[in-house]
Amino acid sequence: MLLTRTNIHDKLLRERSKSEQEQDILAQVEAIFTQDRIRESGIIKTLNSPSGSGYNEFNIDLLATENIFHIKQIEKICIDYRLRFLDTKYFKGKYPQQALDNIKYLENTHNTELDGFKIIAPSKMFVLEKADDPLLFAPMGNGYYYLIHKWGNDLNPFRKQWAWSFKSFENLIVTTLLISLVATMLIPDGLFTKNQDLSQDVMVFFFMFKSIGAIVLFYAFALGKNFNKAIWNSTYDKTR
């Protein structure tokens, strides 16, 4: 049996047909990518725009319970760690691709368009109005928020202890007293008199307390600082 001869013309036609199919596939992929980029730009525009209605329609059966938090829980964490919980329009950091992908996934899964986004982060991560670890949330209504994505580095393990001093005026006084006491203990005996007794130690303590208290007052009032309970959801740099 003789072998069939190769028709180069046919081969060329088949090869062109394959190329056209590949081009169609590439065109479809490019169209998908283009639509995805347009959608991402819309999401970023929403993140940078004023807050929406404060309510998003979710399919409760499709939500992860570990990502649902009430405003009271968010408030406590922000106060304990001196963080802000503000609209994303004030956020000056960059959003990771995973955050945008999570938003698109939620919108596809729940057949909705999310808005009203908020973020938990330290004050330095926001552009605050003048008069280390972001968490992106979407409002669910009735004071509940859904955690979409967390990125960046974890907070310093001592941040809660550091922020405790700024929770209230009473905490600040206690901290100032403790620092004054430590400073008094560091002053060697006999620095002011040869025979230093308890009454002189008390005088040194009060002197240290007044000095450190003056520094704290300057830092608090001159720089416009305020306590954690007053700033956790405030958009102002200097909160009254």
C-alpha atoms as a PDB file:
ATOM      1  CA  MET A   1       0.000   0.000   0.000  1.00  0.00           C
ATOM      2  CA  LEU A   2       1.411   3.270  -1.094  1.00  0.00           C
ATOM      3  CA  LEU A   3       1.664   6.057   1.451  1.00  0.00           C
ATOM      4  CA  THR A   4      -0.483   9.125   0.829  1.00  0.00           C
ATOM      5  CA  ARG A   5       1.576  12.043  -0.275  1.00  0.00           C
ATOM      6  CA  THR A   6       1.635  15.152   1.823  1.00  0.00           C
ATOM      7  CA  ASN A   7      -0.292  18.109   0.517  1.00  0.00           C
ATOM      8  CA  ILE A   8       1.534  21.165   1.737  1.00  0.00           C
ATOM      9  CA  HIS A   9      -1.397  23.373   0.856  1.00  0.00           C
ATOM     10  CA  ASP A  10      -3.673  21.377   3.164  1.00  0.00           C
ATOM     11  CA  LYS A  11      -1.088  21.501   5.917  1.00  0.00           C
ATOM     12  CA  LEU A  12      -0.863  25.242   5.581  1.00  0.00           C
ATOM     13  CA  LEU A  13      -4.646  25.592   5.766  1.00  0.00           C
ATOM     14  CA  ARG A  14      -4.810  23.414   8.886  1.00  0.00           C
ATOM     15  CA  GLU A  15      -1.998  25.333  10.533  1.00  0.00           C
ATOM     16  CA  ARG A  16      -3.726  28.609   9.781  1.00  0.00           C
ATOM     17  CA  SER A  17      -6.946  27.228  11.272  1.00  0.00           C
ATOM     18  CA  LYS A  18      -5.067  26.317  14.467  1.00  0.00           C
ATOM     19  CA  SER A  19      -3.512  29.759  14.653  1.00  0.00           C
ATOM     20  CA  GLU A  20      -6.891  31.409  14.234  1.00  0.00           C
ATOM     21  CA  GLN A  21      -8.303  29.274  17.056  1.00  0.00           C
ATOM     22  CA  GLU A  22      -5.372  30.233  19.270  1.00  0.00           C
ATOM     23  CA  GLN A  23      -5.898  33.871  18.397  1.00  0.00           C
ATOM     24  CA  ASP A  24      -9.565  33.551  19.322  1.00  0.00           C
ATOM     25  CA  ILE A  25      -8.582  32.033  22.657  1.00  0.00           C
ATOM     26  CA  LEU A  26      -6.002  34.749  23.266  1.00  0.00           C
ATOM     27  CA  ALA A  27      -8.565  37.379  22.366  1.00  0.00           C
ATOM     28  CA  GLN A  28     -11.029  35.876  24.828  1.00  0.00           C
ATOM     29  CA  VAL A  29      -8.393  35.757  27.568  1.00  0.00           C
ATOM     30  CA  GLU A  30      -7.385  39.334  26.840  1.00  0.00           C
ATOM     31  CA  ALA A  31     -11.036  40.392  26.995  1.00  0.00           C
ATOM     32  CA  ILE A  32     -11.394  38.654  30.382  1.00  0.00           C
ATOM     33  CA  PHE A  33      -8.256  40.359  31.676  1.00  0.00           C
ATOM     34  CA  THR A  34      -9.494  43.708  30.377  1.00  0.00           C
ATOM     35  CA  GLN A  35     -12.834  43.279  32.111  1.00  0.00           C
ATOM     36  CA  ASP A  36     -11.018  42.223  35.282  1.00  0.00           C
ATOM     37  CA  ARG A  37      -8.819  45.345  35.187  1.00  0.00           C
ATOM     38  CA  ILE A  38     -11.895  47.535  34.649  1.00  0.00           C
ATOM     39  CA  ARG A  39     -13.607  45.833  37.571  1.00  0.00           C
ATOM     40  CA  GLU A  40     -10.570  46.269  39.826  1.00  0.00           C
ATOM     41  CA  SER A  41     -10.375  49.967  38.958  1.00  0.00           C
ATOM     42  CA  GLY A  42     -14.047  50.231  39.935  1.00  0.00           C
ATOM     43  CA  ILE A  43     -13.351  48.497  43.266  1.00  0.00           C
ATOM     44  CA  ILE A  44     -10.418  50.811  43.996  1.00  0.00           C
ATOM     45  CA  LYS A  45     -12.601  53.800  43.118  1.00  0.00           C
ATOM     46  CA  THR A  46     -15.197  52.529  45.610  1.00  0.00           C
ATOM     47  CA  LEU A  47     -12.500  52.073  48.277  1.00  0.00           C
ATOM     48  CA  ASN A  48     -11.376  55.663  47.785  1.00  0.00           C
ATOM     49  CA  SER A  49     -14.874  57.141  47.654  1.00  0.00           C
ATOM     50  CA  PRO A  50     -17.100  58.246  50.550  1.00  0.00           C
ATOM     51  CA  SER A  51     -18.732  55.482  52.557  1.00  0.00           C
ATOM     52  CA  GLY A  52     -21.870  53.909  51.110  1.00  0.00           C
ATOM     53  CA  SER A  53     -25.121  52.970  52.792  1.00  0.00           C
ATOM     54  CA  GLY A  54     -23.358  50.997  55.529  1.00  0.00           C
ATOM     55  CA  TYR A  55     -25.157  47.804  54.546  1.00  0.00           C
ATOM     56  CA  ASN A  56     -24.263  44.996  52.141  1.00  0.00           C
ATOM     57  CA  GLU A  57     -26.476  42.071  51.210  1.00  0.00           C
ATOM     58  CA  PHE A  58     -24.684  38.791  51.948  1.00  0.00           C
ATOM     59  CA  ASN A  59     -25.796  35.187  51.645  1.00  0.00           C
ATOM     60  CA  ILE A  60     -25.485  34.182  55.305  1.00  0.00           C
ATOM     61  CA  ASP A  61     -24.992  30.505  54.424  1.00  0.00           C
ATOM     62  CA  LEU A  62     -21.843  31.357  52.453  1.00  0.00           C
ATOM     63  CA  LEU A  63     -20.121  33.504  55.100  1.00  0.00           C
ATOM     64  CA  ALA A  64     -17.238  32.380  57.303  1.00  0.00           C
ATOM     65  CA  THR A  65     -18.296  32.962  60.914  1.00  0.00           C
ATOM     66  CA  GLU A  66     -14.697  33.629  61.991  1.00  0.00           C
ATOM     67  CA  ASN A  67     -14.739  36.773  59.820  1.00  0.00           C
ATOM     68  CA  ILE A  68     -17.862  38.346  61.345  1.00  0.00           C
ATOM     69  CA  PHE A  69     -17.314  40.969  64.070  1.00  0.00           C
ATOM     70  CA  HIS A  70     -19.585  43.364  65.945  1.00  0.00           C
ATOM     71  CA  ILE A  71     -18.781  47.055  66.291  1.00  0.00           C
ATOM     72  CA  LYS A  72     -18.378  46.659  70.075  1.00  0.00           C
ATOM     73  CA  GLN A  73     -15.655  44.039  69.549  1.00  0.00           C
ATOM     74  CA  ILE A  74     -13.932  46.264  67.007  1.00  0.00           C
ATOM     75  CA  GLU A  75     -14.170  49.259  69.344  1.00  0.00           C
ATOM     76  CA  LYS A  76     -12.549  47.351  72.238  1.00  0.00           C
ATOM     77  CA  ILE A  77      -9.618  46.158  70.128  1.00  0.00           C
ATOM     78  CA  CYS A  78      -9.064  49.639  68.694  1.00  0.00           C
ATOM     79  CA  ILE A  79      -9.083  51.187  72.184  1.00  0.00           C
ATOM     80  CA  ASP A  80      -6.809  48.498  73.660  1.00  0.00           C
ATOM     81  CA  TYR A  81      -4.219  48.846  70.881  1.00  0.00           C
ATOM     82  CA  ARG A  82      -4.735  52.547  69.999  1.00  0.00           C
ATOM     83  CA  LEU A  83      -5.946  51.883  66.453  1.00  0.00           C
ATOM     84  CA  ARG A  84      -8.377  53.685  64.155  1.00  0.00           C
ATOM     85  CA  PHE A  85     -11.489  52.236  62.478  1.00  0.00           C
ATOM     86  CA  LEU A  86     -12.220  54.540  59.540  1.00  0.00           C
ATOM     87  CA  ASP A  87     -13.618  54.622  56.011  1.00  0.00           C
ATOM     88  CA  THR A  88     -11.176  53.397  53.385  1.00  0.00           C
ATOM     89  CA  LYS A  89     -11.201  56.826  51.700  1.00  0.00           C
ATOM     90  CA  TYR A  90      -8.823  57.988  54.462  1.00  0.00           C
ATOM     91  CA  PHE A  91      -6.414  55.062  53.984  1.00  0.00           C
ATOM     92  CA  LYS A  92      -3.126  56.103  52.371  1.00  0.00           C
ATOM     93  CA  GLY A  93      -1.527  52.652  52.062  1.00  0.00           C
ATOM     94  CA  LYS A  94      -1.655  50.355  49.049  1.00  0.00           C
ATOM     95  CA  TYR A  95      -4.169  47.524  48.738  1.00  0.00           C
ATOM     96  CA  PRO A  96      -2.618  44.114  48.056  1.00  0.00           C
ATOM     97  CA  GLN A  97      -3.873  42.112  45.081  1.00  0.00           C
ATOM     98  CA  GLN A  98      -5.259  39.480  47.444  1.00  0.00           C
ATOM     99  CA  ALA A  99      -7.586  42.065  49.022  1.00  0.00           C
ATOM    100  CA  LEU A 100      -8.993  43.002  45.598  1.00  0.00           C
ATOM    101  CA  ASP A 101      -9.332  39.320  44.675  1.00  0.00           C
ATOM    102  CA  ASN A 102     -11.226  38.642  47.906  1.00  0.00           C
ATOM    103  CA  ILE A 103     -13.633  41.489  47.156  1.00  0.00           C
ATOM    104  CA  LYS A 104     -14.276  40.144  43.654  1.00  0.00           C
ATOM    105  CA  TYR A 105     -14.743  36.636  45.046  1.00  0.00           C
ATOM    106  CA  LEU A 106     -17.299  37.838  47.588  1.00  0.00           C
ATOM    107  CA  GLU A 107     -19.152  39.878  44.977  1.00  0.00           C
ATOM    108  CA  ASN A 108     -19.294  36.885  42.625  1.00  0.00           C
ATOM    109  CA  THR A 109     -20.277  34.431  45.355  1.00  0.00           C
ATOM    110  CA  HIS A 110     -22.977  36.643  46.874  1.00  0.00           C
ATOM    111  CA  ASN A 111     -24.070  38.228  43.592  1.00  0.00           C
ATOM    112  CA  THR A 112     -23.689  41.771  44.897  1.00  0.00           C
ATOM    113  CA  GLU A 113     -21.503  44.873  44.720  1.00  0.00           C
ATOM    114  CA  LEU A 114     -19.818  45.746  48.015  1.00  0.00           C
ATOM    115  CA  ASP A 115     -19.384  49.267  49.344  1.00  0.00           C
ATOM    116  CA  GLY A 116     -18.977  51.140  52.607  1.00  0.00           C
ATOM    117  CA  PHE A 117     -15.553  49.592  53.270  1.00  0.00           C
ATOM    118  CA  LYS A 118     -13.711  50.329  56.519  1.00  0.00           C
ATOM    119  CA  ILE A 119     -10.202  49.604  57.774  1.00  0.00           C
ATOM    120  CA  ILE A 120      -8.571  48.993  61.162  1.00  0.00           C
ATOM    121  CA  ALA A 121      -5.039  50.400  61.219  1.00  0.00           C
ATOM    122  CA  PRO A 122      -2.708  52.687  63.225  1.00  0.00           C
ATOM    123  CA  SER A 123      -3.195  56.442  62.777  1.00  0.00           C
ATOM    124  CA  LYS A 124      -0.078  56.754  60.604  1.00  0.00           C
ATOM    125  CA  MET A 125      -1.764  54.610  57.926  1.00  0.00           C
ATOM    126  CA  PHE A 126      -4.490  57.221  57.376  1.00  0.00           C
ATOM    127  CA  VAL A 127      -4.633  60.682  55.847  1.00  0.00           C
ATOM    128  CA  LEU A 128      -6.460  62.386  58.692  1.00  0.00           C
ATOM    129  CA  GLU A 129      -8.413  65.598  58.413  1.00  0.00           C
ATOM    130  CA  LYS A 130      -6.991  68.653  60.125  1.00  0.00           C
ATOM    131  CA  ALA A 131      -9.618  70.894  62.161  1.00  0.00           C
ATOM    132  CA  ASP A 132       1.611  48.206  61.184  1.00  0.00           C
ATOM    133  CA  ASP A 133      -1.476  46.169  60.353  1.00  0.00           C
ATOM    134  CA  PRO A 134      -4.562  46.989  58.215  1.00  0.00           C
ATOM    135  CA  LEU A 135      -7.770  44.913  58.258  1.00  0.00           C
ATOM    136  CA  LEU A 136     -10.354  45.554  55.534  1.00  0.00           C
ATOM    137  CA  PHE A 137     -14.057  45.218  56.469  1.00  0.00           C
ATOM    138  CA  ALA A 138     -17.409  45.480  54.703  1.00  0.00           C
ATOM    139  CA  PRO A 139     -20.527  46.460  56.710  1.00  0.00           C
ATOM    140  CA  MET A 140     -23.281  43.870  57.110  1.00  0.00           C
ATOM    141  CA  GLY A 141     -25.792  46.050  58.967  1.00  0.00           C
ATOM    142  CA  ASN A 142     -26.941  46.091  62.606  1.00  0.00           C
ATOM    143  CA  GLY A 143     -23.429  46.912  63.769  1.00  0.00           C
ATOM    144  CA  TYR A 144     -21.780  43.844  62.223  1.00  0.00           C
ATOM    145  CA  TYR A 145     -18.788  43.880  59.862  1.00  0.00           C
ATOM    146  CA  TYR A 146     -17.265  41.186  57.667  1.00  0.00           C
ATOM    147  CA  LEU A 147     -13.476  40.861  57.514  1.00  0.00           C
ATOM    148  CA  ILE A 148     -12.395  40.711  53.873  1.00  0.00           C
ATOM    149  CA  HIS A 149      -8.616  40.703  54.128  1.00  0.00           C
ATOM    150  CA  LYS A 150      -5.726  41.303  56.530  1.00  0.00           C
ATOM    151  CA  TRP A 151      -2.253  42.184  55.325  1.00  0.00           C
ATOM    152  CA  GLY A 152       1.021  43.711  56.452  1.00  0.00           C
ATOM    153  CA  ASN A 153       3.018  42.877  59.557  1.00  0.00           C
ATOM    154  CA  ASP A 154       1.510  41.941  62.906  1.00  0.00           C
ATOM    155  CA  LEU A 155       1.489  44.537  65.655  1.00  0.00           C
ATOM    156  CA  ASN A 156       4.323  44.822  68.146  1.00  0.00           C
ATOM    157  CA  PRO A 157       3.651  42.363  71.016  1.00  0.00           C
ATOM    158  CA  PHE A 158       4.033  45.225  73.525  1.00  0.00           C
ATOM    159  CA  ARG A 159       1.667  47.604  71.734  1.00  0.00           C
ATOM    160  CA  LYS A 160      -1.244  46.802  74.059  1.00  0.00           C
ATOM    161  CA  GLN A 161       0.890  47.587  77.122  1.00  0.00           C
ATOM    162  CA  TRP A 162       2.097  50.800  75.487  1.00  0.00           C
ATOM    163  CA  ALA A 163      -1.456  51.812  74.528  1.00  0.00           C
ATOM    164  CA  TRP A 164      -2.809  51.089  78.040  1.00  0.00           C
ATOM    165  CA  SER A 165      -1.382  54.395  79.289  1.00  0.00           C
ATOM    166  CA  PHE A 166      -3.491  56.329  76.771  1.00  0.00           C
ATOM    167  CA  LYS A 167      -6.830  54.585  77.360  1.00  0.00           C
ATOM    168  CA  SER A 168      -7.979  57.124  79.964  1.00  0.00           C
ATOM    169  CA  PHE A 169      -6.823  60.015  82.146  1.00  0.00           C
ATOM    170  CA  GLU A 170      -6.586  57.689  85.165  1.00  0.00           C
ATOM    171  CA  ASN A 171      -4.302  55.300  83.260  1.00  0.00           C
ATOM    172  CA  LEU A 172      -2.091  58.212  82.234  1.00  0.00           C
ATOM    173  CA  ILE A 173      -1.747  59.392  85.852  1.00  0.00           C
ATOM    174  CA  VAL A 174      -0.847  55.883  87.038  1.00  0.00           C
ATOM    175  CA  THR A 175       1.764  55.564  84.286  1.00  0.00           C
ATOM    176  CA  THR A 176       3.266  58.961  85.166  1.00  0.00           C
ATOM    177  CA  LEU A 177       3.454  57.973  88.844  1.00  0.00           C
ATOM    178  CA  LEU A 178       5.188  54.685  88.036  1.00  0.00           C
ATOM    179  CA  ILE A 179       7.715  56.364  85.741  1.00  0.00           C
ATOM    180  CA  SER A 180       8.374  59.010  88.392  1.00  0.00           C
ATOM    181  CA  LEU A 181       8.917  56.305  91.014  1.00  0.00           C
ATOM    182  CA  VAL A 182      11.403  54.451  88.800  1.00  0.00           C
ATOM    183  CA  ALA A 183      13.212  57.704  87.992  1.00  0.00           C
ATOM    184  CA  THR A 184      13.424  58.519  91.732  1.00  0.00           C
ATOM    185  CA  MET A 185      14.906  55.095  92.485  1.00  0.00           C
ATOM    186  CA  LEU A 186      17.563  55.615  89.817  1.00  0.00           C
ATOM    187  CA  ILE A 187      18.870  58.789  91.505  1.00  0.00           C
ATOM    188  CA  PRO A 188      21.783  57.790  93.771  1.00  0.00           C
ATOM    189  CA  ASP A 189      21.519  58.534  97.501  1.00  0.00           C
ATOM    190  CA  GLY A 190      23.483  61.528  98.705  1.00  0.00           C
ATOM    191  CA  LEU A 191      23.289  63.364  95.400  1.00  0.00           C
ATOM    192  CA  PHE A 192      21.628  66.370  97.025  1.00  0.00           C
ATOM    193  CA  THR A 193      22.603  65.909 100.711  1.00  0.00           C
ATOM    194  CA  LYS A 194      25.070  63.693 102.535  1.00  0.00           C
ATOM    195  CA  ASN A 195      22.433  62.150 104.821  1.00  0.00           C
ATOM    196  CA  GLN A 196      19.356  61.582 102.650  1.00  0.00           C
ATOM    197  CA  ASP A 197      16.250  60.414 104.545  1.00  0.00           C
ATOM    198  CA  LEU A 198      12.676  59.405 103.598  1.00  0.00           C
ATOM    199  CA  SER A 199      11.348  62.970 103.519  1.00  0.00           C
ATOM    200  CA  GLN A 200      14.013  63.943 101.003  1.00  0.00           C
ATOM    201  CA  ASP A 201      13.168  60.876  98.897  1.00  0.00           C
ATOM    202  CA  VAL A 202       9.547  62.031  98.847  1.00  0.00           C
ATOM    203  CA  MET A 203      10.638  65.518  97.756  1.00  0.00           C
ATOM    204  CA  VAL A 204      12.722  64.043  94.942  1.00  0.00           C
ATOM    205  CA  PHE A 205       9.746  61.889  93.897  1.00  0.00           C
ATOM    206  CA  PHE A 206       7.433  64.920  93.725  1.00  0.00           C
ATOM    207  CA  PHE A 207      10.063  66.827  91.752  1.00  0.00           C
ATOM    208  CA  MET A 208      10.312  63.949  89.260  1.00  0.00           C
ATOM    209  CA  PHE A 209       6.526  63.660  89.075  1.00  0.00           C
ATOM    210  CA  LYS A 210       6.142  67.368  88.293  1.00  0.00           C
ATOM    211  CA  SER A 211       8.885  67.242  85.646  1.00  0.00           C
ATOM    212  CA  ILE A 212       7.586  64.119  83.910  1.00  0.00           C
ATOM    213  CA  GLY A 213       3.990  65.345  84.254  1.00  0.00           C
ATOM    214  CA  ALA A 214       4.929  68.606  82.528  1.00  0.00           C
ATOM    215  CA  ILE A 215       6.433  66.664  79.611  1.00  0.00           C
ATOM    216  CA  VAL A 216       3.321  64.483  79.366  1.00  0.00           C
ATOM    217  CA  LEU A 217       1.050  67.532  79.398  1.00  0.00           C
ATOM    218  CA  PHE A 218       3.084  69.197  76.673  1.00  0.00           C
ATOM    219  CA  TYR A 219       2.960  66.062  74.545  1.00  0.00           C
ATOM    220  CA  ALA A 220      -0.762  65.610  75.158  1.00  0.00           C
ATOM    221  CA  PHE A 221      -2.027  69.178  74.681  1.00  0.00           C
ATOM    222  CA  ALA A 222       0.556  70.954  72.541  1.00  0.00           C
ATOM    223  CA  LEU A 223       0.578  68.126  69.985  1.00  0.00           C
ATOM    224  CA  GLY A 224      -3.183  67.661  70.138  1.00  0.00           C
ATOM    225  CA  LYS A 225      -3.174  64.069  71.383  1.00  0.00           C
ATOM    226  CA  ASN A 226      -6.178  62.428  72.974  1.00  0.00           C
ATOM    227  CA  PHE A 227      -7.191  59.188  74.655  1.00  0.00           C
ATOM    228  CA  ASN A 228      -7.895  55.946  72.819  1.00  0.00           C
ATOM    229  CA  LYS A 229     -11.640  56.086  73.492  1.00  0.00           C
ATOM    230  CA  ALA A 230     -11.861  59.467  71.771  1.00  0.00           C
ATOM    231  CA  ILE A 231      -9.893  58.674  68.612  1.00  0.00           C
ATOM    232  CA  TRP A 232     -10.689  55.087  67.628  1.00  0.00           C
ATOM    233  CA  ASN A 233     -13.325  56.164  65.075  1.00  0.00           C
ATOM    234  CA  SER A 234     -12.404  59.847  64.651  1.00  0.00           C
ATOM    235  CA  THR A 235     -11.298  61.228  61.282  1.00  0.00           C
ATOM    236  CA  TYR A 236      -9.463  64.132  62.890  1.00  0.00           C
ATOM    237  CA  ASP A 237      -5.739  64.232  63.566  1.00  0.00           C
ATOM    238  CA  LYS A 238      -6.241  66.399  66.664  1.00  0.00           C
ATOM    239  CA  THR A 239      -9.327  65.041  68.383  1.00  0.00           C
ATOM    240  CA  ARG A 240     -11.064  67.046  71.069  1.00  0.00           C
END
